[in-house]
N, C-alpha and C. Protein backbone atom coordinates (compact mmCIF):
# COMPACT_ATOMS: atom_id res chain seq x y z
N MET A 1 121.34 98.45 75.38
CA MET A 1 122.29 98.13 76.43
C MET A 1 123.49 97.39 75.82
N ALA A 2 124.58 97.37 76.58
CA ALA A 2 125.78 96.71 76.09
C ALA A 2 125.51 95.23 75.81
N ASP A 3 124.68 94.58 76.61
CA ASP A 3 124.28 93.19 76.41
C ASP A 3 122.77 93.14 76.45
N LYS A 4 122.16 92.76 75.33
CA LYS A 4 120.70 92.77 75.24
C LYS A 4 120.06 91.68 76.10
N ASN A 5 120.83 90.59 76.41
CA ASN A 5 120.27 89.48 77.17
C ASN A 5 120.42 89.72 78.67
N VAL A 6 119.86 90.80 79.12
CA VAL A 6 119.93 91.14 80.54
C VAL A 6 118.85 90.37 81.28
N PRO A 7 119.19 89.63 82.35
CA PRO A 7 118.19 88.89 83.10
C PRO A 7 117.11 89.81 83.66
N ARG A 8 115.91 89.29 83.76
CA ARG A 8 114.79 90.08 84.29
C ARG A 8 115.08 90.57 85.71
N ALA A 9 115.67 89.71 86.53
CA ALA A 9 115.98 90.10 87.91
C ALA A 9 116.93 91.28 87.95
N THR A 10 117.88 91.30 87.01
CA THR A 10 118.82 92.43 86.93
C THR A 10 118.09 93.71 86.54
N LEU A 11 117.22 93.62 85.55
CA LEU A 11 116.46 94.79 85.12
C LEU A 11 115.62 95.36 86.26
N GLN A 12 115.09 94.48 87.10
CA GLN A 12 114.27 94.93 88.23
C GLN A 12 115.11 95.63 89.29
N ARG A 13 116.41 95.32 89.33
CA ARG A 13 117.28 95.98 90.31
C ARG A 13 117.81 97.31 89.82
N TYR A 14 117.84 97.56 88.52
CA TYR A 14 118.40 98.80 87.99
C TYR A 14 117.72 100.06 88.57
N PRO A 15 116.38 100.12 88.65
CA PRO A 15 115.76 101.31 89.26
C PRO A 15 116.14 101.49 90.73
N ILE A 16 116.41 100.38 91.43
CA ILE A 16 116.85 100.48 92.83
C ILE A 16 118.22 101.16 92.91
N TYR A 17 119.11 100.75 92.01
CA TYR A 17 120.43 101.38 91.97
C TYR A 17 120.32 102.87 91.64
N LEU A 18 119.49 103.18 90.65
CA LEU A 18 119.35 104.57 90.23
C LEU A 18 118.83 105.44 91.36
N LYS A 19 117.84 104.95 92.08
CA LYS A 19 117.30 105.70 93.21
C LYS A 19 118.39 105.97 94.24
N ALA A 20 119.16 104.93 94.58
CA ALA A 20 120.23 105.09 95.57
C ALA A 20 121.31 106.05 95.09
N LEU A 21 121.67 105.93 93.83
CA LEU A 21 122.73 106.79 93.28
C LEU A 21 122.32 108.25 93.26
N ARG A 22 121.06 108.53 92.96
CA ARG A 22 120.60 109.92 92.96
C ARG A 22 120.60 110.49 94.37
N LYS A 23 120.23 109.67 95.34
CA LYS A 23 120.29 110.13 96.73
C LYS A 23 121.73 110.43 97.12
N LEU A 24 122.63 109.52 96.76
CA LEU A 24 124.04 109.71 97.09
C LEU A 24 124.59 110.98 96.43
N SER A 25 124.22 111.19 95.16
CA SER A 25 124.68 112.39 94.45
C SER A 25 124.17 113.65 95.13
N ASN A 26 122.92 113.63 95.58
CA ASN A 26 122.37 114.80 96.26
C ASN A 26 123.03 115.08 97.60
N HIS A 27 123.71 114.05 98.15
CA HIS A 27 124.45 114.23 99.39
C HIS A 27 125.95 114.45 99.14
N GLY A 28 126.29 114.71 97.88
CA GLY A 28 127.66 115.09 97.55
C GLY A 28 128.62 113.95 97.31
N VAL A 29 128.13 112.71 97.22
CA VAL A 29 129.00 111.56 96.96
C VAL A 29 129.36 111.52 95.47
N GLU A 30 130.65 111.46 95.17
CA GLU A 30 131.10 111.48 93.78
C GLU A 30 131.55 110.12 93.28
N ARG A 31 132.14 109.31 94.16
CA ARG A 31 132.59 107.97 93.77
C ARG A 31 132.13 106.98 94.84
N ILE A 32 131.89 105.72 94.39
CA ILE A 32 131.44 104.72 95.34
C ILE A 32 131.92 103.34 94.91
N MET A 33 132.29 102.53 95.90
CA MET A 33 132.68 101.15 95.65
C MET A 33 131.43 100.27 95.70
N SER A 34 131.50 99.12 95.08
CA SER A 34 130.35 98.22 95.07
C SER A 34 129.98 97.79 96.49
N LYS A 35 130.97 97.59 97.34
CA LYS A 35 130.67 97.18 98.72
C LYS A 35 130.00 98.31 99.50
N GLU A 36 130.30 99.56 99.15
CA GLU A 36 129.64 100.69 99.80
C GLU A 36 128.20 100.83 99.31
N LEU A 37 128.01 100.66 98.01
CA LEU A 37 126.66 100.72 97.45
C LEU A 37 125.82 99.57 98.00
N ALA A 38 126.45 98.44 98.25
CA ALA A 38 125.74 97.27 98.77
C ALA A 38 125.07 97.57 100.11
N THR A 39 125.72 98.36 100.94
CA THR A 39 125.14 98.69 102.24
C THR A 39 123.93 99.62 102.09
N VAL A 40 123.88 100.36 101.00
CA VAL A 40 122.77 101.29 100.76
C VAL A 40 121.55 100.56 100.20
N VAL A 41 121.78 99.65 99.27
CA VAL A 41 120.67 99.00 98.56
C VAL A 41 120.37 97.60 99.10
N ASN A 42 121.21 97.11 100.02
CA ASN A 42 121.03 95.78 100.61
C ASN A 42 121.08 94.68 99.55
N ILE A 43 122.03 94.82 98.65
CA ILE A 43 122.27 93.83 97.60
C ILE A 43 123.75 93.47 97.65
N GLU A 44 124.08 92.20 97.46
CA GLU A 44 125.46 91.75 97.57
C GLU A 44 126.36 92.46 96.54
N PRO A 45 127.59 92.81 96.94
CA PRO A 45 128.52 93.48 96.01
C PRO A 45 128.76 92.68 94.73
N THR A 46 128.85 91.35 94.85
CA THR A 46 129.07 90.53 93.64
C THR A 46 127.89 90.64 92.68
N THR A 47 126.69 90.74 93.23
CA THR A 47 125.49 90.90 92.39
C THR A 47 125.51 92.26 91.71
N ILE A 48 125.90 93.30 92.46
CA ILE A 48 125.97 94.65 91.89
C ILE A 48 126.97 94.68 90.74
N ARG A 49 128.15 94.11 90.95
CA ARG A 49 129.17 94.13 89.89
C ARG A 49 128.70 93.36 88.66
N ARG A 50 128.02 92.25 88.88
CA ARG A 50 127.50 91.48 87.75
C ARG A 50 126.41 92.26 87.01
N ASP A 51 125.51 92.90 87.77
CA ASP A 51 124.45 93.70 87.15
C ASP A 51 125.05 94.84 86.32
N PHE A 52 126.07 95.49 86.86
CA PHE A 52 126.69 96.62 86.16
C PHE A 52 127.44 96.16 84.91
N SER A 53 127.93 94.91 84.93
CA SER A 53 128.73 94.42 83.80
C SER A 53 127.91 94.37 82.50
N PHE A 54 126.59 94.26 82.62
CA PHE A 54 125.75 94.24 81.42
C PHE A 54 125.73 95.60 80.72
N LEU A 55 126.13 96.64 81.44
CA LEU A 55 126.12 97.99 80.88
C LEU A 55 127.48 98.42 80.36
N GLY A 56 128.45 97.51 80.41
CA GLY A 56 129.78 97.83 79.93
C GLY A 56 130.78 97.92 81.08
N ASN A 57 131.97 98.37 80.76
CA ASN A 57 133.04 98.51 81.76
C ASN A 57 132.89 99.86 82.46
N LEU A 58 132.24 99.87 83.61
CA LEU A 58 131.85 101.14 84.25
C LEU A 58 132.82 101.63 85.32
N GLY A 59 133.66 100.75 85.83
CA GLY A 59 134.54 101.18 86.91
C GLY A 59 135.86 100.44 86.88
N LYS A 60 136.76 100.85 87.78
CA LYS A 60 138.06 100.21 87.89
C LYS A 60 138.19 99.59 89.28
N GLN A 61 138.78 98.40 89.31
CA GLN A 61 138.95 97.70 90.57
C GLN A 61 139.79 98.55 91.54
N GLY A 62 139.28 98.72 92.74
CA GLY A 62 139.98 99.49 93.74
C GLY A 62 139.73 100.99 93.64
N TYR A 63 139.06 101.42 92.58
CA TYR A 63 138.81 102.85 92.38
C TYR A 63 137.33 103.18 92.46
N GLY A 64 136.51 102.17 92.19
CA GLY A 64 135.07 102.37 92.31
C GLY A 64 134.42 102.96 91.08
N TYR A 65 133.20 103.40 91.27
CA TYR A 65 132.38 103.93 90.17
C TYR A 65 132.13 105.42 90.35
N SER A 66 132.07 106.12 89.24
CA SER A 66 131.65 107.51 89.26
C SER A 66 130.14 107.56 89.40
N VAL A 67 129.65 108.16 90.47
CA VAL A 67 128.21 108.25 90.70
C VAL A 67 127.53 109.00 89.57
N LYS A 68 128.11 110.10 89.15
CA LYS A 68 127.53 110.89 88.06
C LYS A 68 127.46 110.09 86.78
N ASN A 69 128.52 109.34 86.48
CA ASN A 69 128.56 108.54 85.26
C ASN A 69 127.51 107.44 85.29
N LEU A 70 127.37 106.79 86.44
CA LEU A 70 126.37 105.73 86.56
C LEU A 70 124.96 106.28 86.37
N ILE A 71 124.69 107.43 86.96
CA ILE A 71 123.36 108.04 86.81
C ILE A 71 123.06 108.34 85.34
N GLU A 72 124.04 108.89 84.64
CA GLU A 72 123.85 109.20 83.22
C GLU A 72 123.58 107.94 82.40
N ILE A 73 124.31 106.87 82.72
CA ILE A 73 124.13 105.61 81.99
C ILE A 73 122.76 105.02 82.25
N PHE A 74 122.35 105.01 83.52
CA PHE A 74 121.02 104.47 83.84
C PHE A 74 119.92 105.33 83.22
N ASN A 75 120.09 106.64 83.24
CA ASN A 75 119.11 107.52 82.60
C ASN A 75 118.95 107.16 81.13
N GLN A 76 120.09 106.97 80.47
CA GLN A 76 120.08 106.68 79.04
C GLN A 76 119.49 105.30 78.75
N GLN A 77 119.92 104.30 79.52
CA GLN A 77 119.50 102.94 79.25
C GLN A 77 118.06 102.66 79.65
N LEU A 78 117.62 103.26 80.76
CA LEU A 78 116.28 103.01 81.26
C LEU A 78 115.27 104.02 80.76
N GLY A 79 115.76 105.08 80.10
CA GLY A 79 114.84 106.10 79.61
C GLY A 79 114.21 106.88 80.74
N MET A 80 114.94 107.04 81.85
CA MET A 80 114.38 107.73 83.01
C MET A 80 115.11 109.05 83.21
N GLU A 81 114.36 110.11 83.30
CA GLU A 81 114.92 111.43 83.52
C GLU A 81 114.27 112.07 84.73
N PHE A 82 115.05 112.90 85.44
CA PHE A 82 114.52 113.56 86.62
C PHE A 82 113.41 114.54 86.27
N ASP A 83 113.41 115.03 85.04
CA ASP A 83 112.41 116.04 84.67
C ASP A 83 111.17 115.41 84.03
N GLU A 84 110.95 114.11 84.27
CA GLU A 84 109.73 113.48 83.75
C GLU A 84 108.51 114.22 84.29
N LYS A 85 107.62 114.61 83.40
CA LYS A 85 106.41 115.31 83.81
C LYS A 85 105.33 114.27 84.13
N ILE A 86 104.80 114.34 85.35
CA ILE A 86 103.76 113.41 85.79
C ILE A 86 102.50 114.21 86.08
N ILE A 87 101.35 113.69 85.64
CA ILE A 87 100.09 114.35 85.98
C ILE A 87 99.29 113.43 86.91
N LEU A 88 98.44 114.06 87.69
CA LEU A 88 97.60 113.34 88.64
C LEU A 88 96.13 113.60 88.29
N VAL A 89 95.34 112.54 88.24
CA VAL A 89 93.90 112.70 88.03
C VAL A 89 93.20 112.24 89.31
N GLY A 90 92.59 113.20 89.99
CA GLY A 90 91.95 112.93 91.26
C GLY A 90 92.69 113.64 92.39
N ALA A 91 92.07 114.67 92.96
CA ALA A 91 92.71 115.45 94.02
C ALA A 91 92.00 115.27 95.35
N GLY A 92 91.47 114.04 95.57
CA GLY A 92 90.84 113.72 96.85
C GLY A 92 91.90 113.39 97.89
N ASN A 93 91.56 112.55 98.86
CA ASN A 93 92.49 112.24 99.94
C ASN A 93 93.79 111.63 99.44
N MET A 94 93.68 110.62 98.58
CA MET A 94 94.88 109.99 98.02
C MET A 94 95.67 110.97 97.18
N GLY A 95 94.97 111.70 96.31
CA GLY A 95 95.64 112.66 95.46
C GLY A 95 96.38 113.73 96.24
N ARG A 96 95.74 114.24 97.30
CA ARG A 96 96.39 115.27 98.12
C ARG A 96 97.64 114.72 98.81
N ALA A 97 97.57 113.47 99.25
CA ALA A 97 98.74 112.87 99.88
C ALA A 97 99.90 112.76 98.88
N LEU A 98 99.58 112.40 97.64
CA LEU A 98 100.61 112.30 96.62
C LEU A 98 101.18 113.67 96.27
N MET A 99 100.33 114.67 96.19
CA MET A 99 100.81 116.01 95.89
C MET A 99 101.67 116.56 97.02
N LYS A 100 101.30 116.25 98.24
CA LYS A 100 102.07 116.72 99.39
C LYS A 100 103.45 116.10 99.41
N TYR A 101 103.52 114.82 99.04
CA TYR A 101 104.81 114.13 99.00
C TYR A 101 105.64 114.64 97.82
N ASN A 102 105.25 114.31 96.63
CA ASN A 102 105.76 114.84 95.36
C ASN A 102 107.26 115.07 95.30
N LYS A 103 108.04 114.20 95.88
CA LYS A 103 109.50 114.31 95.77
C LYS A 103 110.07 113.11 95.02
N TRP A 104 109.47 111.94 95.25
CA TRP A 104 109.85 110.72 94.54
C TRP A 104 111.33 110.41 94.69
N ASP A 105 111.94 110.89 95.80
CA ASP A 105 113.33 110.56 96.11
C ASP A 105 114.28 110.88 94.96
N HIS A 106 113.99 111.95 94.23
CA HIS A 106 114.86 112.40 93.14
C HIS A 106 115.06 111.31 92.08
N VAL A 107 114.01 110.55 91.79
CA VAL A 107 114.16 109.43 90.87
C VAL A 107 113.59 109.70 89.48
N VAL A 108 112.33 110.10 89.37
CA VAL A 108 111.73 110.18 88.04
C VAL A 108 111.19 111.55 87.65
N GLY A 109 110.99 112.43 88.55
CA GLY A 109 110.41 113.72 88.22
C GLY A 109 109.44 114.15 89.29
N GLU A 110 108.38 114.84 88.88
CA GLU A 110 107.42 115.30 89.87
C GLU A 110 106.06 115.55 89.21
N ILE A 111 105.04 115.60 90.05
CA ILE A 111 103.70 115.94 89.56
C ILE A 111 103.70 117.41 89.17
N THR A 112 103.38 117.69 87.93
CA THR A 112 103.39 119.07 87.45
C THR A 112 102.01 119.72 87.51
N CYS A 113 100.95 118.89 87.43
CA CYS A 113 99.60 119.42 87.56
C CYS A 113 98.64 118.28 87.86
N ALA A 114 97.44 118.64 88.28
CA ALA A 114 96.42 117.64 88.62
C ALA A 114 95.08 118.08 88.06
N PHE A 115 94.15 117.12 88.03
CA PHE A 115 92.80 117.39 87.52
C PHE A 115 91.77 116.78 88.46
N ASP A 116 90.66 117.47 88.62
CA ASP A 116 89.59 116.94 89.45
C ASP A 116 88.26 117.54 88.99
N ILE A 117 87.18 116.78 89.17
CA ILE A 117 85.86 117.24 88.76
C ILE A 117 85.23 118.17 89.78
N ASN A 118 85.71 118.10 91.03
CA ASN A 118 85.13 118.88 92.13
C ASN A 118 85.75 120.28 92.20
N PRO A 119 84.95 121.34 92.03
CA PRO A 119 85.50 122.70 92.09
C PRO A 119 86.20 123.03 93.40
N ASP A 120 85.76 122.40 94.50
CA ASP A 120 86.37 122.67 95.80
C ASP A 120 87.80 122.16 95.89
N ARG A 121 88.16 121.27 95.01
CA ARG A 121 89.52 120.72 95.02
C ARG A 121 90.43 121.39 94.01
N GLN A 122 89.87 122.27 93.21
CA GLN A 122 90.66 122.94 92.18
C GLN A 122 91.37 124.17 92.74
N GLY A 123 92.34 124.66 91.99
CA GLY A 123 93.15 125.78 92.47
C GLY A 123 94.58 125.33 92.57
N VAL A 124 95.30 125.83 93.54
CA VAL A 124 96.70 125.42 93.76
C VAL A 124 96.78 124.68 95.08
N ARG A 125 97.29 123.46 95.04
CA ARG A 125 97.42 122.63 96.23
C ARG A 125 98.87 122.18 96.35
N PHE A 126 99.51 122.52 97.47
CA PHE A 126 100.91 122.15 97.70
C PHE A 126 101.81 122.60 96.55
N GLY A 127 101.48 123.78 96.00
CA GLY A 127 102.27 124.34 94.91
C GLY A 127 101.97 123.76 93.55
N ILE A 128 100.95 122.89 93.46
CA ILE A 128 100.63 122.22 92.20
C ILE A 128 99.26 122.71 91.71
N PRO A 129 99.15 123.18 90.47
CA PRO A 129 97.84 123.62 89.97
C PRO A 129 96.91 122.43 89.75
N VAL A 130 95.68 122.57 90.23
CA VAL A 130 94.66 121.53 90.04
C VAL A 130 93.58 122.13 89.14
N TYR A 131 93.41 121.56 87.96
CA TYR A 131 92.48 122.08 86.97
C TYR A 131 91.19 121.26 86.95
N ASP A 132 90.16 121.87 86.38
CA ASP A 132 88.93 121.15 86.09
C ASP A 132 89.26 120.04 85.09
N ILE A 133 88.69 118.86 85.33
CA ILE A 133 89.00 117.72 84.46
C ILE A 133 88.56 117.97 83.02
N ASN A 134 87.62 118.87 82.82
CA ASN A 134 87.18 119.20 81.47
C ASN A 134 88.25 119.98 80.69
N GLN A 135 89.26 120.47 81.39
CA GLN A 135 90.36 121.21 80.74
C GLN A 135 91.55 120.32 80.43
N MET A 136 91.40 119.02 80.61
CA MET A 136 92.53 118.11 80.51
C MET A 136 93.27 118.23 79.18
N GLU A 137 92.54 118.20 78.10
CA GLU A 137 93.19 118.26 76.78
C GLU A 137 94.00 119.53 76.58
N GLN A 138 93.57 120.62 77.23
CA GLN A 138 94.27 121.90 77.07
C GLN A 138 95.43 122.07 78.05
N LYS A 139 95.36 121.41 79.20
CA LYS A 139 96.32 121.68 80.27
C LYS A 139 97.40 120.62 80.47
N ILE A 140 97.27 119.46 79.85
CA ILE A 140 98.33 118.45 80.00
C ILE A 140 99.63 119.00 79.42
N PRO A 141 100.73 118.97 80.18
CA PRO A 141 102.00 119.52 79.69
C PRO A 141 102.50 118.78 78.45
N GLU A 142 103.15 119.51 77.58
CA GLU A 142 103.72 118.90 76.37
C GLU A 142 104.77 117.88 76.75
N GLY A 143 104.72 116.74 76.12
CA GLY A 143 105.70 115.70 76.39
C GLY A 143 105.38 114.82 77.57
N CYS A 144 104.26 115.06 78.24
CA CYS A 144 103.87 114.26 79.40
C CYS A 144 103.49 112.85 78.96
N ARG A 145 104.01 111.83 79.67
CA ARG A 145 103.74 110.44 79.30
C ARG A 145 103.11 109.63 80.42
N ILE A 146 103.21 110.12 81.65
CA ILE A 146 102.82 109.33 82.82
C ILE A 146 101.67 110.02 83.56
N ALA A 147 100.66 109.23 83.94
CA ALA A 147 99.54 109.75 84.72
C ALA A 147 99.29 108.84 85.92
N ILE A 148 98.95 109.45 87.05
CA ILE A 148 98.54 108.72 88.23
C ILE A 148 97.02 108.82 88.34
N LEU A 149 96.37 107.69 88.50
CA LEU A 149 94.91 107.65 88.59
C LEU A 149 94.50 107.46 90.04
N ALA A 150 93.79 108.46 90.60
CA ALA A 150 93.37 108.41 92.00
C ALA A 150 91.94 108.95 92.13
N PHE A 151 91.04 108.42 91.31
CA PHE A 151 89.65 108.88 91.31
C PHE A 151 88.74 107.68 91.11
N SER A 152 87.43 107.89 91.11
CA SER A 152 86.52 106.73 91.12
C SER A 152 85.40 106.75 90.08
N ASP A 153 85.23 107.82 89.34
CA ASP A 153 84.12 107.92 88.38
C ASP A 153 84.62 108.03 86.94
N ASN A 154 83.90 107.38 86.02
CA ASN A 154 84.19 107.47 84.58
C ASN A 154 85.67 107.16 84.29
N ILE A 155 86.15 106.09 84.89
CA ILE A 155 87.58 105.78 84.80
C ILE A 155 88.00 105.42 83.38
N GLN A 156 87.29 104.48 82.75
CA GLN A 156 87.67 104.06 81.40
C GLN A 156 87.60 105.23 80.42
N GLN A 157 86.57 106.02 80.51
CA GLN A 157 86.41 107.18 79.62
C GLN A 157 87.57 108.15 79.81
N THR A 158 87.95 108.39 81.05
CA THR A 158 89.04 109.32 81.33
C THR A 158 90.37 108.76 80.83
N VAL A 159 90.58 107.47 81.02
CA VAL A 159 91.82 106.85 80.53
C VAL A 159 91.90 106.96 79.01
N ASP A 160 90.78 106.75 78.33
CA ASP A 160 90.76 106.88 76.87
C ASP A 160 91.16 108.30 76.46
N ARG A 161 90.67 109.28 77.17
CA ARG A 161 91.02 110.68 76.87
C ARG A 161 92.51 110.92 77.10
N LEU A 162 93.03 110.37 78.19
CA LEU A 162 94.45 110.54 78.50
C LEU A 162 95.34 109.90 77.44
N ILE A 163 94.95 108.72 76.99
CA ILE A 163 95.73 108.06 75.94
C ILE A 163 95.71 108.89 74.66
N ALA A 164 94.57 109.47 74.35
CA ALA A 164 94.47 110.33 73.17
C ALA A 164 95.36 111.56 73.29
N CYS A 165 95.68 111.94 74.53
CA CYS A 165 96.56 113.09 74.78
C CYS A 165 98.03 112.70 74.83
N GLY A 166 98.33 111.41 74.63
CA GLY A 166 99.72 110.97 74.58
C GLY A 166 100.22 110.26 75.82
N ILE A 167 99.36 110.00 76.78
CA ILE A 167 99.77 109.27 77.98
C ILE A 167 99.94 107.79 77.64
N VAL A 168 101.09 107.22 78.01
CA VAL A 168 101.37 105.82 77.68
C VAL A 168 101.66 104.97 78.91
N GLY A 169 101.68 105.60 80.09
CA GLY A 169 101.93 104.86 81.32
C GLY A 169 101.03 105.35 82.44
N PHE A 170 100.43 104.41 83.16
CA PHE A 170 99.51 104.76 84.24
C PHE A 170 99.91 104.07 85.54
N VAL A 171 99.87 104.84 86.63
CA VAL A 171 99.94 104.26 87.97
C VAL A 171 98.51 104.30 88.50
N ASP A 172 97.96 103.12 88.75
CA ASP A 172 96.52 103.00 88.98
C ASP A 172 96.19 102.69 90.44
N PHE A 173 95.52 103.63 91.10
CA PHE A 173 95.03 103.43 92.46
C PHE A 173 93.52 103.14 92.48
N THR A 174 92.89 102.95 91.32
CA THR A 174 91.42 102.89 91.26
C THR A 174 90.84 101.52 91.58
N HIS A 175 91.62 100.45 91.41
CA HIS A 175 91.15 99.09 91.63
C HIS A 175 90.07 98.68 90.62
N GLU A 176 89.99 99.38 89.51
CA GLU A 176 89.03 99.05 88.46
C GLU A 176 89.74 98.34 87.31
N HIS A 177 88.99 97.52 86.56
CA HIS A 177 89.55 96.90 85.37
C HIS A 177 89.57 97.93 84.25
N ILE A 178 90.75 98.19 83.73
CA ILE A 178 90.90 99.21 82.68
C ILE A 178 91.47 98.55 81.43
N GLN A 179 90.88 98.85 80.30
CA GLN A 179 91.36 98.32 79.03
C GLN A 179 92.19 99.39 78.32
N VAL A 180 93.37 98.98 77.88
CA VAL A 180 94.25 99.91 77.16
C VAL A 180 94.80 99.21 75.93
N PRO A 181 95.15 99.95 74.90
CA PRO A 181 95.71 99.34 73.69
C PRO A 181 97.16 98.88 73.92
N LYS A 182 97.65 98.10 72.99
CA LYS A 182 99.04 97.66 73.04
C LYS A 182 99.97 98.88 73.01
N GLY A 183 101.00 98.83 73.83
CA GLY A 183 101.92 99.95 73.90
C GLY A 183 101.65 100.88 75.06
N VAL A 184 100.56 100.65 75.78
CA VAL A 184 100.24 101.43 76.97
C VAL A 184 100.36 100.52 78.19
N VAL A 185 101.00 101.02 79.24
CA VAL A 185 101.31 100.19 80.41
C VAL A 185 100.55 100.71 81.63
N ILE A 186 99.98 99.77 82.39
CA ILE A 186 99.31 100.11 83.65
C ILE A 186 99.98 99.36 84.79
N LYS A 187 100.36 100.10 85.84
CA LYS A 187 100.89 99.51 87.07
C LYS A 187 99.88 99.78 88.18
N SER A 188 99.22 98.71 88.64
CA SER A 188 98.19 98.87 89.67
C SER A 188 98.82 98.86 91.06
N VAL A 189 98.33 99.74 91.92
CA VAL A 189 98.78 99.80 93.31
C VAL A 189 97.61 99.38 94.19
N ASP A 190 97.75 98.23 94.82
CA ASP A 190 96.69 97.68 95.66
C ASP A 190 97.25 97.45 97.05
N VAL A 191 97.05 98.42 97.94
CA VAL A 191 97.60 98.34 99.29
C VAL A 191 97.01 97.17 100.07
N VAL A 192 95.70 96.94 99.92
CA VAL A 192 95.04 95.86 100.65
C VAL A 192 95.64 94.51 100.29
N SER A 193 95.82 94.27 99.00
CA SER A 193 96.41 93.00 98.57
C SER A 193 97.84 92.86 99.09
N SER A 194 98.58 93.95 99.10
CA SER A 194 99.95 93.91 99.60
C SER A 194 99.98 93.54 101.08
N ILE A 195 99.05 94.09 101.86
CA ILE A 195 98.98 93.76 103.28
C ILE A 195 98.59 92.30 103.47
N GLN A 196 97.63 91.83 102.65
CA GLN A 196 97.23 90.43 102.73
C GLN A 196 98.40 89.50 102.43
N GLU A 197 99.17 89.83 101.39
CA GLU A 197 100.33 89.02 101.04
C GLU A 197 101.36 89.04 102.17
N LEU A 198 101.54 90.22 102.77
CA LEU A 198 102.51 90.34 103.86
C LEU A 198 102.10 89.51 105.07
N VAL A 199 100.81 89.55 105.41
CA VAL A 199 100.31 88.74 106.54
C VAL A 199 100.52 87.26 106.25
N PHE A 200 100.21 86.84 105.03
CA PHE A 200 100.37 85.44 104.64
C PHE A 200 101.84 85.02 104.77
N GLU A 201 102.75 85.85 104.28
CA GLU A 201 104.17 85.51 104.31
C GLU A 201 104.71 85.48 105.74
N THR A 202 104.30 86.45 106.57
CA THR A 202 104.79 86.47 107.95
C THR A 202 104.22 85.29 108.73
N ASN A 203 102.96 84.90 108.46
CA ASN A 203 102.39 83.74 109.11
C ASN A 203 103.14 82.47 108.75
N ASN A 204 103.53 82.37 107.47
CA ASN A 204 104.30 81.22 107.02
C ASN A 204 105.66 81.16 107.70
N LEU A 205 106.31 82.32 107.82
CA LEU A 205 107.61 82.37 108.47
C LEU A 205 107.50 81.94 109.92
N ASN A 206 106.47 82.42 110.61
CA ASN A 206 106.29 82.07 112.02
C ASN A 206 105.99 80.58 112.18
N ALA A 207 105.23 80.03 111.22
CA ALA A 207 104.88 78.61 111.29
C ALA A 207 106.10 77.71 111.09
N GLN A 208 107.11 78.23 110.37
CA GLN A 208 108.31 77.44 110.09
C GLN A 208 109.32 77.47 111.22
N ARG A 209 109.11 78.36 112.19
CA ARG A 209 110.07 78.48 113.29
C ARG A 209 109.86 77.38 114.33
């Protein structure tokens, strides 16, 4: 990046900007002012301009930013491409919901294939091929780095196999403790904990009124 000392809070906002910019681009928007982008992402224009300043001189005062240029810069700096190949392990209820959605708001890519141990779940689902999990080593797309975990059996063993196949990032819906080597990242999704935190926060807000 133009400035390596980018605050953590700024880095956390960059994917939000990228998501909004890709949506805007898909709706034909070519240029945007910081105050216009602010209404989309619900972030103050001054914060947006400061966040963008870490990436260099991206726009002109009164003229705004090129949406296409911003997307290219964020893609380059964040290492995020729309054609990111994502695989799904587990084609049960959660897996089917993810395959049915599979748009990701034009942000990172799409699920290209899935794996499941149950023959009844294999085949083509929502346009996505679902293979036997025993075929994983043969069917994982070349260059694939990201896997979504939505299954409940032999989790650690399966993760070890995925890492051996080149997977370095996991979105984890399993709620199991998984051990991975350095250089591999796991992002756990725990809906129950999120609801608990939300209830706690809303109760606190009500108590302060």
